[in-house]
Amino acid sequence: FKTLSSSETLMPGDILVRNGRHVVMFLYYADNQKSKIVVI
């Protein structure tokens, strides 16, 4: 995996991970401002 430089470039299937604690998969942005996201 590579670390992304910006959340503006998230694509479905990307992950958000907190070392040793938790990981979620990004599905899509939930608003036009890209401030809310849907994860699984």
PDB file of all heavy atoms in Angstrom:
ATOM      1  N   PHE A   1       0.841  -1.193   0.000  1.00  0.00           N
ATOM      2  CA  PHE A   1       0.000   0.000   0.000  1.00  0.00           C
ATOM      3  C   PHE A   1       0.873   1.237   0.000  1.00  0.00           C
ATOM      4  O   PHE A   1       1.977   1.234   0.528  1.00  0.00           O
ATOM      5  CB  PHE A   1      -0.910   0.028   1.248  1.00  0.00           C
ATOM      6  CG  PHE A   1      -1.989  -1.006   1.223  1.00  0.00           C
ATOM      7  CD1 PHE A   1      -1.736  -2.301   1.620  1.00  0.00           C
ATOM      8  CD2 PHE A   1      -3.267  -0.679   0.785  1.00  0.00           C
ATOM      9  CE1 PHE A   1      -2.719  -3.268   1.584  1.00  0.00           C
ATOM     10  CE2 PHE A   1      -4.261  -1.631   0.743  1.00  0.00           C
ATOM     11  CZ  PHE A   1      -3.993  -2.933   1.149  1.00  0.00           C
ATOM     12  N   LYS A   2       0.360   2.302  -0.615  1.00  0.00           N
ATOM     13  CA  LYS A   2       1.053   3.591  -0.556  1.00  0.00           C
ATOM     14  C   LYS A   2       0.177   4.576   0.199  1.00  0.00           C
ATOM     15  O   LYS A   2      -1.056   4.484   0.187  1.00  0.00           O
ATOM     16  CB  LYS A   2       1.345   4.107  -1.961  1.00  0.00           C
ATOM     17  CG  LYS A   2       0.108   4.335  -2.820  1.00  0.00           C
ATOM     18  CD  LYS A   2       0.486   4.746  -4.221  1.00  0.00           C
ATOM     19  CE  LYS A   2      -0.750   4.825  -5.100  1.00  0.00           C
ATOM     20  NZ  LYS A   2      -0.433   5.065  -6.489  1.00  0.00           N
ATOM     21  N   THR A   3       0.814   5.502   0.882  1.00  0.00           N
ATOM     22  CA  THR A   3       0.097   6.537   1.621  1.00  0.00           C
ATOM     23  C   THR A   3      -0.247   7.664   0.672  1.00  0.00           C
ATOM     24  O   THR A   3       0.607   8.118  -0.101  1.00  0.00           O
ATOM     25  CB  THR A   3       0.951   7.054   2.796  1.00  0.00           C
ATOM     26  OG1 THR A   3       1.234   5.946   3.668  1.00  0.00           O
ATOM     27  CG2 THR A   3       0.223   8.123   3.575  1.00  0.00           C
ATOM     28  N   LEU A   4      -1.489   8.114   0.712  1.00  0.00           N
ATOM     29  CA  LEU A   4      -1.950   9.200  -0.149  1.00  0.00           C
ATOM     30  C   LEU A   4      -1.615  10.542   0.484  1.00  0.00           C
ATOM     31  O   LEU A   4      -1.621  10.685   1.708  1.00  0.00           O
ATOM     32  CB  LEU A   4      -3.453   9.092  -0.378  1.00  0.00           C
ATOM     33  CG  LEU A   4      -3.943   7.772  -0.978  1.00  0.00           C
ATOM     34  CD1 LEU A   4      -5.464   7.749  -1.037  1.00  0.00           C
ATOM     35  CD2 LEU A   4      -3.344   7.548  -2.346  1.00  0.00           C
ATOM     36  N   SER A   5      -1.366  11.527  -0.341  1.00  0.00           N
ATOM     37  CA  SER A   5      -1.013  12.844   0.176  1.00  0.00           C
ATOM     38  C   SER A   5      -2.231  13.689   0.517  1.00  0.00           C
ATOM     39  O   SER A   5      -2.119  14.669   1.237  1.00  0.00           O
ATOM     40  CB  SER A   5      -0.144  13.591  -0.839  1.00  0.00           C
ATOM     41  OG  SER A   5      -0.852  13.744  -2.048  1.00  0.00           O
ATOM     42  N   SER A   6      -3.408  13.284   0.020  1.00  0.00           N
ATOM     43  CA  SER A   6      -4.594  14.110   0.239  1.00  0.00           C
ATOM     44  C   SER A   6      -5.858  13.263   0.273  1.00  0.00           C
ATOM     45  O   SER A   6      -5.989  12.294  -0.477  1.00  0.00           O
ATOM     46  CB  SER A   6      -4.715  15.135  -0.890  1.00  0.00           C
ATOM     47  OG  SER A   6      -5.966  15.767  -0.870  1.00  0.00           O
ATOM     48  N   SER A   7      -6.782  13.669   1.111  1.00  0.00           N
ATOM     49  CA  SER A   7      -8.077  12.979   1.142  1.00  0.00           C
ATOM     50  C   SER A   7      -8.933  13.353  -0.060  1.00  0.00           C
ATOM     51  O   SER A   7      -9.943  12.717  -0.329  1.00  0.00           O
ATOM     52  CB  SER A   7      -8.823  13.315   2.429  1.00  0.00           C
ATOM     53  OG  SER A   7      -9.101  14.701   2.477  1.00  0.00           O
ATOM     54  N   GLU A   8      -8.534  14.383  -0.783  1.00  0.00           N
ATOM     55  CA  GLU A   8      -9.273  14.800  -1.987  1.00  0.00           C
ATOM     56  C   GLU A   8      -9.184  13.762  -3.094  1.00  0.00           C
ATOM     57  O   GLU A   8      -9.970  13.788  -4.031  1.00  0.00           O
ATOM     58  CB  GLU A   8      -8.720  16.134  -2.504  1.00  0.00           C
ATOM     59  CG  GLU A   8      -8.937  17.296  -1.566  1.00  0.00           C
ATOM     60  CD  GLU A   8     -10.384  17.739  -1.521  1.00  0.00           C
ATOM     61  OE1 GLU A   8     -11.031  17.805  -2.579  1.00  0.00           O
ATOM     62  OE2 GLU A   8     -10.871  18.007  -0.413  1.00  0.00           O
ATOM     63  N   THR A   9      -8.218  12.856  -2.999  1.00  0.00           N
ATOM     64  CA  THR A   9      -8.014  11.878  -4.065  1.00  0.00           C
ATOM     65  C   THR A   9      -8.519  10.486  -3.698  1.00  0.00           C
ATOM     66  O   THR A   9      -8.221   9.532  -4.403  1.00  0.00           O
ATOM     67  CB  THR A   9      -6.517  11.788  -4.422  1.00  0.00           C
ATOM     68  OG1 THR A   9      -5.793  11.353  -3.267  1.00  0.00           O
ATOM     69  CG2 THR A   9      -5.980  13.122  -4.903  1.00  0.00           C
ATOM     70  N   LEU A  10      -9.262  10.361  -2.603  1.00  0.00           N
ATOM     71  CA  LEU A  10      -9.780   9.052  -2.222  1.00  0.00           C
ATOM     72  C   LEU A  10     -10.644   8.446  -3.323  1.00  0.00           C
ATOM     73  O   LEU A  10     -11.445   9.150  -3.950  1.00  0.00           O
ATOM     74  CB  LEU A  10     -10.599   9.152  -0.933  1.00  0.00           C
ATOM     75  CG  LEU A  10      -9.827   9.367   0.363  1.00  0.00           C
ATOM     76  CD1 LEU A  10     -10.792   9.693   1.503  1.00  0.00           C
ATOM     77  CD2 LEU A  10      -8.997   8.149   0.699  1.00  0.00           C
ATOM     78  N   MET A  11     -10.450   7.164  -3.560  1.00  0.00           N
ATOM     79  CA  MET A  11     -11.248   6.412  -4.522  1.00  0.00           C
ATOM     80  C   MET A  11     -11.887   5.228  -3.800  1.00  0.00           C
ATOM     81  O   MET A  11     -11.352   4.759  -2.790  1.00  0.00           O
ATOM     82  CB  MET A  11     -10.356   5.894  -5.661  1.00  0.00           C
ATOM     83  CG  MET A  11      -9.737   6.983  -6.485  1.00  0.00           C
ATOM     84  SD  MET A  11      -8.603   6.450  -7.827  1.00  0.00           S
ATOM     85  CE  MET A  11      -8.771   4.729  -7.977  1.00  0.00           C
ATOM     86  N   PRO A  12     -13.025   4.740  -4.304  1.00  0.00           N
ATOM     87  CA  PRO A  12     -13.629   3.562  -3.680  1.00  0.00           C
ATOM     88  C   PRO A  12     -12.600   2.435  -3.550  1.00  0.00           C
ATOM     89  O   PRO A  12     -11.861   2.141  -4.492  1.00  0.00           O
ATOM     90  CB  PRO A  12     -14.744   3.179  -4.649  1.00  0.00           C
ATOM     91  CG  PRO A  12     -15.106   4.478  -5.304  1.00  0.00           C
ATOM     92  CD  PRO A  12     -13.802   5.217  -5.447  1.00  0.00           C
ATOM     93  N   GLY A  13     -12.532   1.858  -2.372  1.00  0.00           N
ATOM     94  CA  GLY A  13     -11.560   0.797  -2.114  1.00  0.00           C
ATOM     95  C   GLY A  13     -10.330   1.259  -1.370  1.00  0.00           C
ATOM     96  O   GLY A  13      -9.575   0.441  -0.855  1.00  0.00           O
ATOM     97  N   ASP A  14     -10.094   2.577  -1.317  1.00  0.00           N
ATOM     98  CA  ASP A  14      -8.990   3.075  -0.503  1.00  0.00           C
ATOM     99  C   ASP A  14      -9.317   2.829   0.962  1.00  0.00           C
ATOM    100  O   ASP A  14     -10.472   2.611   1.329  1.00  0.00           O
ATOM    101  CB  ASP A  14      -8.776   4.579  -0.733  1.00  0.00           C
ATOM    102  CG  ASP A  14      -8.160   4.881  -2.090  1.00  0.00           C
ATOM    103  OD1 ASP A  14      -7.601   3.970  -2.720  1.00  0.00           O
ATOM    104  OD2 ASP A  14      -8.260   6.051  -2.521  1.00  0.00           O
ATOM    105  N   ILE A  15      -8.294   2.864   1.800  1.00  0.00           N
ATOM    106  CA  ILE A  15      -8.511   2.613   3.221  1.00  0.00           C
ATOM    107  C   ILE A  15      -8.050   3.799   4.052  1.00  0.00           C
ATOM    108  O   ILE A  15      -7.208   4.591   3.620  1.00  0.00           O
ATOM    109  CB  ILE A  15      -7.789   1.330   3.693  1.00  0.00           C
ATOM    110  CG1 ILE A  15      -6.278   1.428   3.462  1.00  0.00           C
ATOM    111  CG2 ILE A  15      -8.381   0.104   3.033  1.00  0.00           C
ATOM    112  CD1 ILE A  15      -5.485   0.291   4.064  1.00  0.00           C
ATOM    113  N   LEU A  16      -8.631   3.917   5.214  1.00  0.00           N
ATOM    114  CA  LEU A  16      -8.163   4.839   6.245  1.00  0.00           C
ATOM    115  C   LEU A  16      -7.751   3.945   7.404  1.00  0.00           C
ATOM    116  O   LEU A  16      -8.546   3.123   7.871  1.00  0.00           O
ATOM    117  CB  LEU A  16      -9.269   5.802   6.669  1.00  0.00           C
ATOM    118  CG  LEU A  16      -9.743   6.752   5.572  1.00  0.00           C
ATOM    119  CD1 LEU A  16     -11.054   7.413   5.964  1.00  0.00           C
ATOM    120  CD2 LEU A  16      -8.687   7.799   5.287  1.00  0.00           C
ATOM    121  N   VAL A  17      -6.514   4.078   7.830  1.00  0.00           N
ATOM    122  CA  VAL A  17      -5.989   3.154   8.835  1.00  0.00           C
ATOM    123  C   VAL A  17      -5.300   3.903   9.965  1.00  0.00           C
ATOM    124  O   VAL A  17      -4.582   4.870   9.740  1.00  0.00           O
ATOM    125  CB  VAL A  17      -5.037   2.110   8.189  1.00  0.00           C
ATOM    126  CG1 VAL A  17      -3.869   2.763   7.509  1.00  0.00           C
ATOM    127  CG2 VAL A  17      -4.563   1.088   9.187  1.00  0.00           C
ATOM    128  N   ARG A  18      -5.581   3.441  11.154  1.00  0.00           N
ATOM    129  CA  ARG A  18      -4.932   3.946  12.362  1.00  0.00           C
ATOM    130  C   ARG A  18      -4.060   2.810  12.887  1.00  0.00           C
ATOM    131  O   ARG A  18      -4.568   1.728  13.198  1.00  0.00           O
ATOM    132  CB  ARG A  18      -5.981   4.342  13.397  1.00  0.00           C
ATOM    133  CG  ARG A  18      -5.408   4.957  14.632  1.00  0.00           C
ATOM    134  CD  ARG A  18      -6.532   5.420  15.525  1.00  0.00           C
ATOM    135  NE  ARG A  18      -6.025   5.916  16.776  1.00  0.00           N
ATOM    136  CZ  ARG A  18      -6.775   6.221  17.815  1.00  0.00           C
ATOM    137  NH1 ARG A  18      -8.088   6.075  17.729  1.00  0.00           N
ATOM    138  NH2 ARG A  18      -6.238   6.671  18.915  1.00  0.00           N
ATOM    139  N   ASN A  19      -2.777   3.036  12.952  1.00  0.00           N
ATOM    140  CA  ASN A  19      -1.820   1.970  13.259  1.00  0.00           C
ATOM    141  C   ASN A  19      -2.214   1.151  14.484  1.00  0.00           C
ATOM    142  O   ASN A  19      -2.335   1.667  15.578  1.00  0.00           O
ATOM    143  CB  ASN A  19      -0.432   2.564  13.466  1.00  0.00           C
ATOM    144  CG  ASN A  19       0.635   1.498  13.578  1.00  0.00           C
ATOM    145  OD1 ASN A  19       0.445   0.368  13.154  1.00  0.00           O
ATOM    146  ND2 ASN A  19       1.759   1.851  14.153  1.00  0.00           N
ATOM    147  N   GLY A  20      -2.383  -0.130  14.270  1.00  0.00           N
ATOM    148  CA  GLY A  20      -2.648  -1.057  15.351  1.00  0.00           C
ATOM    149  C   GLY A  20      -4.021  -0.967  15.977  1.00  0.00           C
ATOM    150  O   GLY A  20      -4.305  -1.657  16.944  1.00  0.00           O
ATOM    151  N   ARG A  21      -4.884  -0.117  15.445  1.00  0.00           N
ATOM    152  CA  ARG A  21      -6.165   0.119  16.102  1.00  0.00           C
ATOM    153  C   ARG A  21      -7.378  -0.202  15.239  1.00  0.00           C
ATOM    154  O   ARG A  21      -8.298  -0.842  15.697  1.00  0.00           O
ATOM    155  CB  ARG A  21      -6.258   1.583  16.547  1.00  0.00           C
ATOM    156  CG  ARG A  21      -5.148   2.066  17.441  1.00  0.00           C
ATOM    157  CD  ARG A  21      -5.334   1.673  18.872  1.00  0.00           C
ATOM    158  NE  ARG A  21      -6.670   1.964  19.312  1.00  0.00           N
ATOM    159  CZ  ARG A  21      -6.980   2.660  20.372  1.00  0.00           C
ATOM    160  NH1 ARG A  21      -6.046   3.155  21.112  1.00  0.00           N
ATOM    161  NH2 ARG A  21      -8.227   2.843  20.707  1.00  0.00           N
ATOM    162  N   HIS A  22      -7.391   0.294  14.003  1.00  0.00           N
ATOM    163  CA  HIS A  22      -8.631   0.219  13.238  1.00  0.00           C
ATOM    164  C   HIS A  22      -8.336   0.510  11.770  1.00  0.00           C
ATOM    165  O   HIS A  22      -7.407   1.242  11.449  1.00  0.00           O
ATOM    166  CB  HIS A  22      -9.610   1.261  13.780  1.00  0.00           C
ATOM    167  CG  HIS A  22     -11.011   1.085  13.301  1.00  0.00           C
ATOM    168  ND1 HIS A  22     -11.804   2.141  12.943  1.00  0.00           N
ATOM    169  CD2 HIS A  22     -11.783  -0.021  13.127  1.00  0.00           C
ATOM    170  CE1 HIS A  22     -12.995   1.703  12.583  1.00  0.00           C
ATOM    171  NE2 HIS A  22     -13.003   0.397  12.680  1.00  0.00           N
ATOM    172  N   VAL A  23      -9.139  -0.065  10.903  1.00  0.00           N
ATOM    173  CA  VAL A  23      -9.048   0.222   9.474  1.00  0.00           C
ATOM    174  C   VAL A  23     -10.457   0.194   8.894  1.00  0.00           C
ATOM    175  O   VAL A  23     -11.279  -0.636   9.279  1.00  0.00           O
ATOM    176  CB  VAL A  23      -8.104  -0.764   8.739  1.00  0.00           C
ATOM    177  CG1 VAL A  23      -8.591  -2.181   8.847  1.00  0.00           C
ATOM    178  CG2 VAL A  23      -7.888  -0.367   7.296  1.00  0.00           C
ATOM    179  N   VAL A  24     -10.749   1.151   8.015  1.00  0.00           N
ATOM    180  CA  VAL A  24     -12.033   1.205   7.321  1.00  0.00           C
ATOM    181  C   VAL A  24     -11.768   1.357   5.830  1.00  0.00           C
ATOM    182  O   VAL A  24     -10.722   1.860   5.420  1.00  0.00           O
ATOM    183  CB  VAL A  24     -12.931   2.372   7.819  1.00  0.00           C
ATOM    184  CG1 VAL A  24     -13.225   2.230   9.303  1.00  0.00           C
ATOM    185  CG2 VAL A  24     -12.321   3.725   7.515  1.00  0.00           C
ATOM    186  N   MET A  25     -12.723   0.926   5.019  1.00  0.00           N
ATOM    187  CA  MET A  25     -12.612   1.091   3.572  1.00  0.00           C
ATOM    188  C   MET A  25     -13.532   2.222   3.127  1.00  0.00           C
ATOM    189  O   MET A  25     -14.720   2.228   3.440  1.00  0.00           O
ATOM    190  CB  MET A  25     -12.988  -0.193   2.829  1.00  0.00           C
ATOM    191  CG  MET A  25     -12.861  -0.069   1.312  1.00  0.00           C
ATOM    192  SD  MET A  25     -13.386  -1.554   0.432  1.00  0.00           S
ATOM    193  CE  MET A  25     -11.987  -2.627   0.745  1.00  0.00           C
ATOM    194  N   PHE A  26     -12.958   3.152   2.392  1.00  0.00           N
ATOM    195  CA  PHE A  26     -13.706   4.273   1.823  1.00  0.00           C
ATOM    196  C   PHE A  26     -14.575   3.761   0.683  1.00  0.00           C
ATOM    197  O   PHE A  26     -14.114   3.012  -0.180  1.00  0.00           O
ATOM    198  CB  PHE A  26     -12.717   5.330   1.303  1.00  0.00           C
ATOM    199  CG  PHE A  26     -13.357   6.428   0.514  1.00  0.00           C
ATOM    200  CD1 PHE A  26     -13.975   7.488   1.158  1.00  0.00           C
ATOM    201  CD2 PHE A  26     -13.336   6.411  -0.862  1.00  0.00           C
ATOM    202  CE1 PHE A  26     -14.562   8.513   0.428  1.00  0.00           C
ATOM    203  CE2 PHE A  26     -13.919   7.431  -1.596  1.00  0.00           C
ATOM    204  CZ  PHE A  26     -14.535   8.483  -0.947  1.00  0.00           C
ATOM    205  N   LEU A  27     -15.848   4.186   0.676  1.00  0.00           N
ATOM    206  CA  LEU A  27     -16.741   3.833  -0.420  1.00  0.00           C
ATOM    207  C   LEU A  27     -17.022   5.027  -1.319  1.00  0.00           C
ATOM    208  O   LEU A  27     -16.875   4.943  -2.530  1.00  0.00           O
ATOM    209  CB  LEU A  27     -18.048   3.243   0.113  1.00  0.00           C
ATOM    210  CG  LEU A  27     -17.916   1.928   0.880  1.00  0.00           C
ATOM    211  CD1 LEU A  27     -19.269   1.475   1.404  1.00  0.00           C
ATOM    212  CD2 LEU A  27     -17.280   0.854   0.003  1.00  0.00           C
ATOM    213  N   TYR A  28     -17.450   6.154  -0.704  1.00  0.00           N
ATOM    214  CA  TYR A  28     -17.704   7.350  -1.501  1.00  0.00           C
ATOM    215  C   TYR A  28     -17.915   8.555  -0.586  1.00  0.00           C
ATOM    216  O   TYR A  28     -18.125   8.408   0.609  1.00  0.00           O
ATOM    217  CB  TYR A  28     -18.891   7.188  -2.453  1.00  0.00           C
ATOM    218  CG  TYR A  28     -20.190   6.780  -1.793  1.00  0.00           C
ATOM    219  CD1 TYR A  28     -21.097   7.727  -1.315  1.00  0.00           C
ATOM    220  CD2 TYR A  28     -20.536   5.437  -1.676  1.00  0.00           C
ATOM    221  CE1 TYR A  28     -22.295   7.354  -0.719  1.00  0.00           C
ATOM    222  CE2 TYR A  28     -21.731   5.049  -1.082  1.00  0.00           C
ATOM    223  CZ  TYR A  28     -22.605   6.008  -0.611  1.00  0.00           C
ATOM    224  OH  TYR A  28     -23.779   5.637  -0.025  1.00  0.00           O
ATOM    225  N   TYR A  29     -17.842   9.740  -1.188  1.00  0.00           N
ATOM    226  CA  TYR A  29     -18.129  10.978  -0.456  1.00  0.00           C
ATOM    227  C   TYR A  29     -19.644  11.114  -0.309  1.00  0.00           C
ATOM    228  O   TYR A  29     -20.391  10.823  -1.238  1.00  0.00           O
ATOM    229  CB  TYR A  29     -17.569  12.196  -1.197  1.00  0.00           C
ATOM    230  CG  TYR A  29     -16.063  12.195  -1.282  1.00  0.00           C
ATOM    231  CD1 TYR A  29     -15.412  11.838  -2.452  1.00  0.00           C
ATOM    232  CD2 TYR A  29     -15.287  12.554  -0.190  1.00  0.00           C
ATOM    233  CE1 TYR A  29     -14.031  11.832  -2.534  1.00  0.00           C
ATOM    234  CE2 TYR A  29     -13.908  12.547  -0.255  1.00  0.00           C
ATOM    235  CZ  TYR A  29     -13.287  12.186  -1.431  1.00  0.00           C
ATOM    236  OH  TYR A  29     -11.908  12.176  -1.506  1.00  0.00           O
ATOM    237  N   ALA A  30     -20.081  11.608   0.836  1.00  0.00           N
ATOM    238  CA  ALA A  30     -21.510  11.728   1.101  1.00  0.00           C
ATOM    239  C   ALA A  30     -22.016  13.153   0.933  1.00  0.00           C
ATOM    240  O   ALA A  30     -23.210  13.405   1.105  1.00  0.00           O
ATOM    241  CB  ALA A  30     -21.827  11.236   2.512  1.00  0.00           C
ATOM    242  N   ASP A  31     -21.125  14.086   0.600  1.00  0.00           N
ATOM    243  CA  ASP A  31     -21.544  15.464   0.357  1.00  0.00           C
ATOM    244  C   ASP A  31     -20.621  16.105  -0.684  1.00  0.00           C
ATOM    245  O   ASP A  31     -19.534  15.596  -0.969  1.00  0.00           O
ATOM    246  CB  ASP A  31     -21.583  16.293   1.650  1.00  0.00           C
ATOM    247  CG  ASP A  31     -20.226  16.455   2.312  1.00  0.00           C
ATOM    248  OD1 ASP A  31     -19.224  15.887   1.826  1.00  0.00           O
ATOM    249  OD2 ASP A  31     -20.157  17.160   3.330  1.00  0.00           O
ATOM    250  N   ASN A  32     -21.066  17.188  -1.273  1.00  0.00           N
ATOM    251  CA  ASN A  32     -20.286  17.872  -2.313  1.00  0.00           C
ATOM    252  C   ASN A  32     -19.000  18.491  -1.790  1.00  0.00           C
ATOM    253  O   ASN A  32     -18.051  18.690  -2.545  1.00  0.00           O
ATOM    254  CB  ASN A  32     -21.129  18.954  -2.995  1.00  0.00           C
ATOM    255  CG  ASN A  32     -22.226  18.362  -3.848  1.00  0.00           C
ATOM    256  OD1 ASN A  32     -22.110  17.243  -4.343  1.00  0.00           O
ATOM    257  ND2 ASN A  32     -23.307  19.102  -4.022  1.00  0.00           N
ATOM    258  N   GLN A  33     -18.944  18.796  -0.515  1.00  0.00           N
ATOM    259  CA  GLN A  33     -17.753  19.410   0.082  1.00  0.00           C
ATOM    260  C   GLN A  33     -16.656  18.374   0.383  1.00  0.00           C
ATOM    261  O   GLN A  33     -15.557  18.741   0.776  1.00  0.00           O
ATOM    262  CB  GLN A  33     -18.118  20.141   1.384  1.00  0.00           C
ATOM    263  CG  GLN A  33     -19.064  21.301   1.203  1.00  0.00           C
ATOM    264  CD  GLN A  33     -20.517  20.849   1.011  1.00  0.00           C
ATOM    265  OE1 GLN A  33     -20.916  19.772   1.435  1.00  0.00           O
ATOM    266  NE2 GLN A  33     -21.299  21.678   0.342  1.00  0.00           N
ATOM    267  N   LYS A  34     -16.965  17.110   0.208  1.00  0.00           N
ATOM    268  CA  LYS A  34     -16.051  16.004   0.516  1.00  0.00           C
ATOM    269  C   LYS A  34     -15.626  16.022   1.983  1.00  0.00           C
ATOM    270  O   LYS A  34     -14.498  15.682   2.323  1.00  0.00           O
ATOM    271  CB  LYS A  34     -14.830  16.025  -0.405  1.00  0.00           C
ATOM    272  CG  LYS A  34     -15.164  15.798  -1.858  1.00  0.00           C
ATOM    273  CD  LYS A  34     -13.928  15.695  -2.704  1.00  0.00           C
ATOM    274  CE  LYS A  34     -14.295  15.353  -4.137  1.00  0.00           C
ATOM    275  NZ  LYS A  34     -13.121  15.219  -4.987  1.00  0.00           N
ATOM    276  N   SER A  35     -16.546  16.412   2.850  1.00  0.00           N
ATOM    277  CA  SER A  35     -16.250  16.432   4.279  1.00  0.00           C
ATOM    278  C   SER A  35     -16.874  15.238   5.007  1.00  0.00           C
ATOM    279  O   SER A  35     -16.475  14.921   6.116  1.00  0.00           O
ATOM    280  CB  SER A  35     -16.747  17.732   4.912  1.00  0.00           C
ATOM    281  OG  SER A  35     -18.152  17.820   4.825  1.00  0.00           O
ATOM    282  N   LYS A  36     -17.828  14.583   4.371  1.00  0.00           N
ATOM    283  CA  LYS A  36     -18.466  13.398   4.943  1.00  0.00           C
ATOM    284  C   LYS A  36     -18.247  12.241   3.982  1.00  0.00           C
ATOM    285  O   LYS A  36     -18.312  12.402   2.763  1.00  0.00           O
ATOM    286  CB  LYS A  36     -19.954  13.634   5.155  1.00  0.00           C
ATOM    287  CG  LYS A  36     -20.244  14.784   6.095  1.00  0.00           C
ATOM    288  CD  LYS A  36     -21.397  14.448   6.987  1.00  0.00           C
ATOM    289  CE  LYS A  36     -21.709  15.599   7.915  1.00  0.00           C
ATOM    290  NZ  LYS A  36     -20.913  15.595   9.104  1.00  0.00           N
ATOM    291  N   ILE A  37     -17.979  11.086   4.564  1.00  0.00           N
ATOM    292  CA  ILE A  37     -17.692   9.916   3.734  1.00  0.00           C
ATOM    293  C   ILE A  37     -18.509   8.719   4.204  1.00  0.00           C
ATOM    294  O   ILE A  37     -18.936   8.646   5.344  1.00  0.00           O
ATOM    295  CB  ILE A  37     -16.189   9.559   3.757  1.00  0.00           C
ATOM    296  CG1 ILE A  37     -15.714   9.242   5.179  1.00  0.00           C
ATOM    297  CG2 ILE A  37     -15.363  10.675   3.139  1.00  0.00           C
ATOM    298  CD1 ILE A  37     -14.287   8.723   5.278  1.00  0.00           C
ATOM    299  N   VAL A  38     -18.706   7.781   3.284  1.00  0.00           N
ATOM    300  CA  VAL A  38     -19.330   6.504   3.608  1.00  0.00           C
ATOM    301  C   VAL A  38     -18.206   5.469   3.617  1.00  0.00           C
ATOM    302  O   VAL A  38     -17.415   5.397   2.674  1.00  0.00           O
ATOM    303  CB  VAL A  38     -20.415   6.126   2.585  1.00  0.00           C
ATOM    304  CG1 VAL A  38     -20.997   4.748   2.886  1.00  0.00           C
ATOM    305  CG2 VAL A  38     -21.511   7.184   2.561  1.00  0.00           C
ATOM    306  N   VAL A  39     -18.140   4.702   4.710  1.00  0.00           N
ATOM    307  CA  VAL A  39     -17.129   3.665   4.838  1.00  0.00           C
ATOM    308  C   VAL A  39     -17.803   2.339   5.167  1.00  0.00           C
ATOM    309  O   VAL A  39     -18.943   2.306   5.627  1.00  0.00           O
ATOM    310  CB  VAL A  39     -16.090   3.993   5.936  1.00  0.00           C
ATOM    311  CG1 VAL A  39     -15.349   5.277   5.619  1.00  0.00           C
ATOM    312  CG2 VAL A  39     -16.720   4.047   7.311  1.00  0.00           C
ATOM    313  N   ILE A  40     -17.080   1.272   4.918  1.00  0.00           N
ATOM    314  CA  ILE A  40     -17.493  -0.055   5.361  1.00  0.00           C
ATOM    315  C   ILE A  40     -16.410  -0.539   6.313  1.00  0.00           C
ATOM    316  O   ILE A  40     -15.224  -0.297   6.097  1.00  0.00           O
ATOM    317  CB  ILE A  40     -17.709  -1.023   4.180  1.00  0.00           C
ATOM    318  CG1 ILE A  40     -18.337  -2.330   4.660  1.00  0.00           C
ATOM    319  CG2 ILE A  40     -16.444  -1.242   3.378  1.00  0.00           C
ATOM    320  CD1 ILE A  40     -18.866  -3.219   3.549  1.00  0.00           C
TER     321      ILE A  40
END
